[in-house]
């Protein structure tokens, strides 16, 4: 289980600077954190949620980590806009006895988004191949 305060470099922004979040709410298998320094009218949330569907060998777990950030529009300073990023795993947990294959596909997406291929350095500036495609609408 995560600590109630995420303040030791668990979360960074595109500049590589630490973003500190605190626990706000938990309902069943959903936990919500908020940025400690957020303005009340600009919520910045981290949500971690899990649900299971099906039975036996058909049982699946759907897990998601999601960030929602409200920002003032840079086009119209009267408009509040929301930016969302989400990472999801939908896994056949009833048909697997280990998390190996889930870890493989998670590592695939993390490395695709945070590196440029030959590099092993994590690119928080979002210049990794996958991150750049997401930001620029590339294919």
C-alpha atoms as a PDB file:
ATOM      1  CA  UNK A   1       0.000   0.000   0.000  1.00  0.00           C
ATOM      2  CA  UNK A   2       1.180   3.490  -0.805  1.00  0.00           C
ATOM      3  CA  UNK A   3       2.014   5.915   2.000  1.00  0.00           C
ATOM      4  CA  UNK A   4      -0.453   8.723   2.760  1.00  0.00           C
ATOM      5  CA  UNK A   5       2.007  11.331   1.517  1.00  0.00           C
ATOM      6  CA  UNK A   6       3.948  10.896  -1.733  1.00  0.00           C
ATOM      7  CA  UNK A   7       6.790  13.328  -1.126  1.00  0.00           C
ATOM      8  CA  UNK A   8      10.058  11.518  -1.722  1.00  0.00           C
ATOM      9  CA  UNK A   9      10.366  11.785  -5.501  1.00  0.00           C
ATOM     10  CA  UNK A  10       7.664   9.197  -6.293  1.00  0.00           C
ATOM     11  CA  UNK A  11       6.102  11.679  -8.723  1.00  0.00           C
ATOM     12  CA  UNK A  12       7.963  14.131 -10.942  1.00  0.00           C
ATOM     13  CA  UNK A  13       6.910  16.678 -13.535  1.00  0.00           C
ATOM     14  CA  UNK A  14       8.318  17.174 -17.058  1.00  0.00           C
ATOM     15  CA  UNK A  15      11.221  19.207 -15.629  1.00  0.00           C
ATOM     16  CA  UNK A  16      12.144  16.311 -13.332  1.00  0.00           C
ATOM     17  CA  UNK A  17      11.038  18.242 -10.240  1.00  0.00           C
ATOM     18  CA  UNK A  18       9.247  16.472  -7.411  1.00  0.00           C
ATOM     19  CA  UNK A  19       5.454  16.876  -7.127  1.00  0.00           C
ATOM     20  CA  UNK A  20       4.143  16.138  -3.630  1.00  0.00           C
ATOM     21  CA  UNK A  21       0.723  14.522  -3.259  1.00  0.00           C
ATOM     22  CA  UNK A  22      -1.317  13.668  -0.166  1.00  0.00           C
ATOM     23  CA  UNK A  23      -4.032  11.080   0.385  1.00  0.00           C
ATOM     24  CA  UNK A  24      -7.539  12.555   0.190  1.00  0.00           C
ATOM     25  CA  UNK A  25      -9.981   9.676  -0.083  1.00  0.00           C
ATOM     26  CA  UNK A  26     -10.343   5.915  -0.358  1.00  0.00           C
ATOM     27  CA  UNK A  27     -13.449   4.022  -1.386  1.00  0.00           C
ATOM     28  CA  UNK A  28     -13.196   0.265  -1.835  1.00  0.00           C
ATOM     29  CA  UNK A  29     -10.309  -0.300  -4.266  1.00  0.00           C
ATOM     30  CA  UNK A  30      -9.969   3.323  -5.376  1.00  0.00           C
ATOM     31  CA  UNK A  31      -7.560   5.749  -3.741  1.00  0.00           C
ATOM     32  CA  UNK A  32      -7.297   9.465  -4.543  1.00  0.00           C
ATOM     33  CA  UNK A  33      -4.405  11.827  -3.836  1.00  0.00           C
ATOM     34  CA  UNK A  34      -4.219  15.597  -4.359  1.00  0.00           C
ATOM     35  CA  UNK A  35      -1.247  17.863  -4.993  1.00  0.00           C
ATOM     36  CA  UNK A  36      -0.283  19.374  -1.640  1.00  0.00           C
ATOM     37  CA  UNK A  37       0.252  22.873  -3.097  1.00  0.00           C
ATOM     38  CA  UNK A  38      -2.729  22.962  -5.476  1.00  0.00           C
ATOM     39  CA  UNK A  39      -4.983  25.989  -5.715  1.00  0.00           C
ATOM     40  CA  UNK A  40      -8.517  25.040  -4.580  1.00  0.00           C
ATOM     41  CA  UNK A  41      -9.998  26.036  -7.951  1.00  0.00           C
ATOM     42  CA  UNK A  42      -7.377  24.021  -9.883  1.00  0.00           C
ATOM     43  CA  UNK A  43      -7.493  20.455  -8.552  1.00  0.00           C
ATOM     44  CA  UNK A  44      -4.581  18.168  -9.446  1.00  0.00           C
ATOM     45  CA  UNK A  45      -5.450  14.546  -8.674  1.00  0.00           C
ATOM     46  CA  UNK A  46      -3.848  11.108  -8.748  1.00  0.00           C
ATOM     47  CA  UNK A  47      -6.353   8.254  -8.787  1.00  0.00           C
ATOM     48  CA  UNK A  48      -5.461   4.583  -8.443  1.00  0.00           C
ATOM     49  CA  UNK A  49      -8.323   2.156  -9.057  1.00  0.00           C
ATOM     50  CA  UNK A  50      -8.803  -1.595  -9.416  1.00  0.00           C
ATOM     51  CA  UNK A  51     -11.794  -3.755 -10.242  1.00  0.00           C
ATOM     52  CA  UNK A  52     -12.204  -7.426 -10.998  1.00  0.00           C
ATOM     53  CA  UNK A  53     -14.726  -8.967 -13.340  1.00  0.00           C
ATOM     54  CA  UNK A  54     -15.528 -12.558 -14.224  1.00  0.00           C
ATOM     55  CA  UNK A  55     -14.937 -15.790 -12.342  1.00  0.00           C
ATOM     56  CA  UNK A  56     -12.427 -18.626 -12.350  1.00  0.00           C
ATOM     57  CA  UNK A  57     -10.095 -18.781 -15.326  1.00  0.00           C
ATOM     58  CA  UNK A  58     -12.096 -15.932 -16.954  1.00  0.00           C
ATOM     59  CA  UNK A  59     -11.431 -13.516 -14.038  1.00  0.00           C
ATOM     60  CA  UNK A  60      -9.814 -10.236 -15.130  1.00  0.00           C
ATOM     61  CA  UNK A  61      -8.382  -7.349 -13.139  1.00  0.00           C
ATOM     62  CA  UNK A  62      -8.609  -3.869 -14.580  1.00  0.00           C
ATOM     63  CA  UNK A  63      -6.198  -1.487 -12.864  1.00  0.00           C
ATOM     64  CA  UNK A  64      -5.655   2.163 -13.706  1.00  0.00           C
ATOM     65  CA  UNK A  65      -3.449   5.011 -12.570  1.00  0.00           C
ATOM     66  CA  UNK A  66      -4.738   8.384 -13.664  1.00  0.00           C
ATOM     67  CA  UNK A  67      -3.673  12.000 -13.260  1.00  0.00           C
ATOM     68  CA  UNK A  68      -6.220  14.794 -13.747  1.00  0.00           C
ATOM     69  CA  UNK A  69      -4.902  18.358 -13.740  1.00  0.00           C
ATOM     70  CA  UNK A  70      -7.066  21.469 -14.030  1.00  0.00           C
ATOM     71  CA  UNK A  71      -5.257  24.431 -15.583  1.00  0.00           C
ATOM     72  CA  UNK A  72      -6.085  27.956 -16.656  1.00  0.00           C
ATOM     73  CA  UNK A  73      -6.309  28.127 -20.440  1.00  0.00           C
ATOM     74  CA  UNK A  74      -3.327  29.788 -22.092  1.00  0.00           C
ATOM     75  CA  UNK A  75      -5.696  31.050 -24.827  1.00  0.00           C
ATOM     76  CA  UNK A  76      -8.447  32.471 -22.596  1.00  0.00           C
ATOM     77  CA  UNK A  77      -7.560  33.095 -18.953  1.00  0.00           C
ATOM     78  CA  UNK A  78     -11.228  32.734 -17.944  1.00  0.00           C
ATOM     79  CA  UNK A  79     -11.454  29.097 -19.050  1.00  0.00           C
ATOM     80  CA  UNK A  80     -10.420  26.170 -16.861  1.00  0.00           C
ATOM     81  CA  UNK A  81      -9.252  23.172 -18.880  1.00  0.00           C
ATOM     82  CA  UNK A  82      -8.550  19.618 -17.765  1.00  0.00           C
ATOM     83  CA  UNK A  83      -5.602  17.483 -18.856  1.00  0.00           C
ATOM     84  CA  UNK A  84      -5.750  13.727 -18.203  1.00  0.00           C
ATOM     85  CA  UNK A  85      -3.129  10.985 -18.482  1.00  0.00           C
ATOM     86  CA  UNK A  86      -3.936   7.379 -17.670  1.00  0.00           C
ATOM     87  CA  UNK A  87      -2.115   4.058 -17.645  1.00  0.00           C
ATOM     88  CA  UNK A  88      -4.277   0.913 -17.582  1.00  0.00           C
ATOM     89  CA  UNK A  89      -3.634  -2.800 -17.282  1.00  0.00           C
ATOM     90  CA  UNK A  90      -6.418  -5.238 -18.153  1.00  0.00           C
ATOM     91  CA  UNK A  91      -5.085  -8.661 -17.190  1.00  0.00           C
ATOM     92  CA  UNK A  92      -6.499 -12.196 -17.130  1.00  0.00           C
ATOM     93  CA  UNK A  93      -5.572 -12.831 -13.483  1.00  0.00           C
ATOM     94  CA  UNK A  94      -7.704 -15.982 -13.391  1.00  0.00           C
ATOM     95  CA  UNK A  95      -5.557 -17.517 -16.132  1.00  0.00           C
ATOM     96  CA  UNK A  96      -2.134 -16.460 -14.764  1.00  0.00           C
ATOM     97  CA  UNK A  97      -0.311 -17.624 -11.654  1.00  0.00           C
ATOM     98  CA  UNK A  98       2.309 -14.862 -11.732  1.00  0.00           C
ATOM     99  CA  UNK A  99       2.534 -11.197 -12.719  1.00  0.00           C
ATOM    100  CA  UNK A 100       5.378 -11.834 -15.199  1.00  0.00           C
ATOM    101  CA  UNK A 101       3.427 -11.134 -18.383  1.00  0.00           C
ATOM    102  CA  UNK A 102       1.705  -8.111 -16.841  1.00  0.00           C
ATOM    103  CA  UNK A 103       5.152  -6.792 -15.883  1.00  0.00           C
ATOM    104  CA  UNK A 104       6.400  -7.382 -19.435  1.00  0.00           C
ATOM    105  CA  UNK A 105       3.706  -5.268 -21.104  1.00  0.00           C
ATOM    106  CA  UNK A 106       3.960  -2.582 -18.411  1.00  0.00           C
ATOM    107  CA  UNK A 107       7.733  -2.417 -18.952  1.00  0.00           C
ATOM    108  CA  UNK A 108       7.086  -2.172 -22.707  1.00  0.00           C
ATOM    109  CA  UNK A 109       4.859   0.870 -22.373  1.00  0.00           C
ATOM    110  CA  UNK A 110       7.036   2.567 -19.743  1.00  0.00           C
ATOM    111  CA  UNK A 111      10.215   2.151 -21.781  1.00  0.00           C
ATOM    112  CA  UNK A 112       8.461   3.211 -25.009  1.00  0.00           C
ATOM    113  CA  UNK A 113       7.216   6.409 -23.378  1.00  0.00           C
ATOM    114  CA  UNK A 114      10.258   7.288 -21.267  1.00  0.00           C
ATOM    115  CA  UNK A 115      13.231   6.406 -23.522  1.00  0.00           C
ATOM    116  CA  UNK A 116      14.338   6.820 -27.119  1.00  0.00           C
ATOM    117  CA  UNK A 117      15.436   3.251 -27.714  1.00  0.00           C
ATOM    118  CA  UNK A 118      19.150   2.876 -27.160  1.00  0.00           C
ATOM    119  CA  UNK A 119      19.105   5.106 -24.096  1.00  0.00           C
ATOM    120  CA  UNK A 120      18.533   3.812 -20.610  1.00  0.00           C
ATOM    121  CA  UNK A 121      17.934   7.206 -19.022  1.00  0.00           C
ATOM    122  CA  UNK A 122      14.354   8.027 -18.050  1.00  0.00           C
ATOM    123  CA  UNK A 123      13.276  11.122 -19.972  1.00  0.00           C
ATOM    124  CA  UNK A 124      10.932  13.095 -17.715  1.00  0.00           C
ATOM    125  CA  UNK A 125      10.823  15.846 -20.360  1.00  0.00           C
ATOM    126  CA  UNK A 126       8.546  13.579 -22.446  1.00  0.00           C
ATOM    127  CA  UNK A 127      10.930  13.271 -25.396  1.00  0.00           C
ATOM    128  CA  UNK A 128      10.795   9.462 -25.349  1.00  0.00           C
ATOM    129  CA  UNK A 129       9.403   7.896 -28.518  1.00  0.00           C
ATOM    130  CA  UNK A 130       5.986   7.029 -27.103  1.00  0.00           C
ATOM    131  CA  UNK A 131       5.591  10.215 -25.067  1.00  0.00           C
ATOM    132  CA  UNK A 132       6.441  12.367 -28.067  1.00  0.00           C
ATOM    133  CA  UNK A 133       3.874  10.490 -30.163  1.00  0.00           C
ATOM    134  CA  UNK A 134       1.217  11.066 -27.488  1.00  0.00           C
ATOM    135  CA  UNK A 135       2.014  14.771 -27.100  1.00  0.00           C
ATOM    136  CA  UNK A 136       2.272  15.552 -30.797  1.00  0.00           C
ATOM    137  CA  UNK A 137      -0.422  13.236 -32.156  1.00  0.00           C
ATOM    138  CA  UNK A 138       2.195  11.216 -34.057  1.00  0.00           C
ATOM    139  CA  UNK A 139       1.880   7.677 -35.339  1.00  0.00           C
END
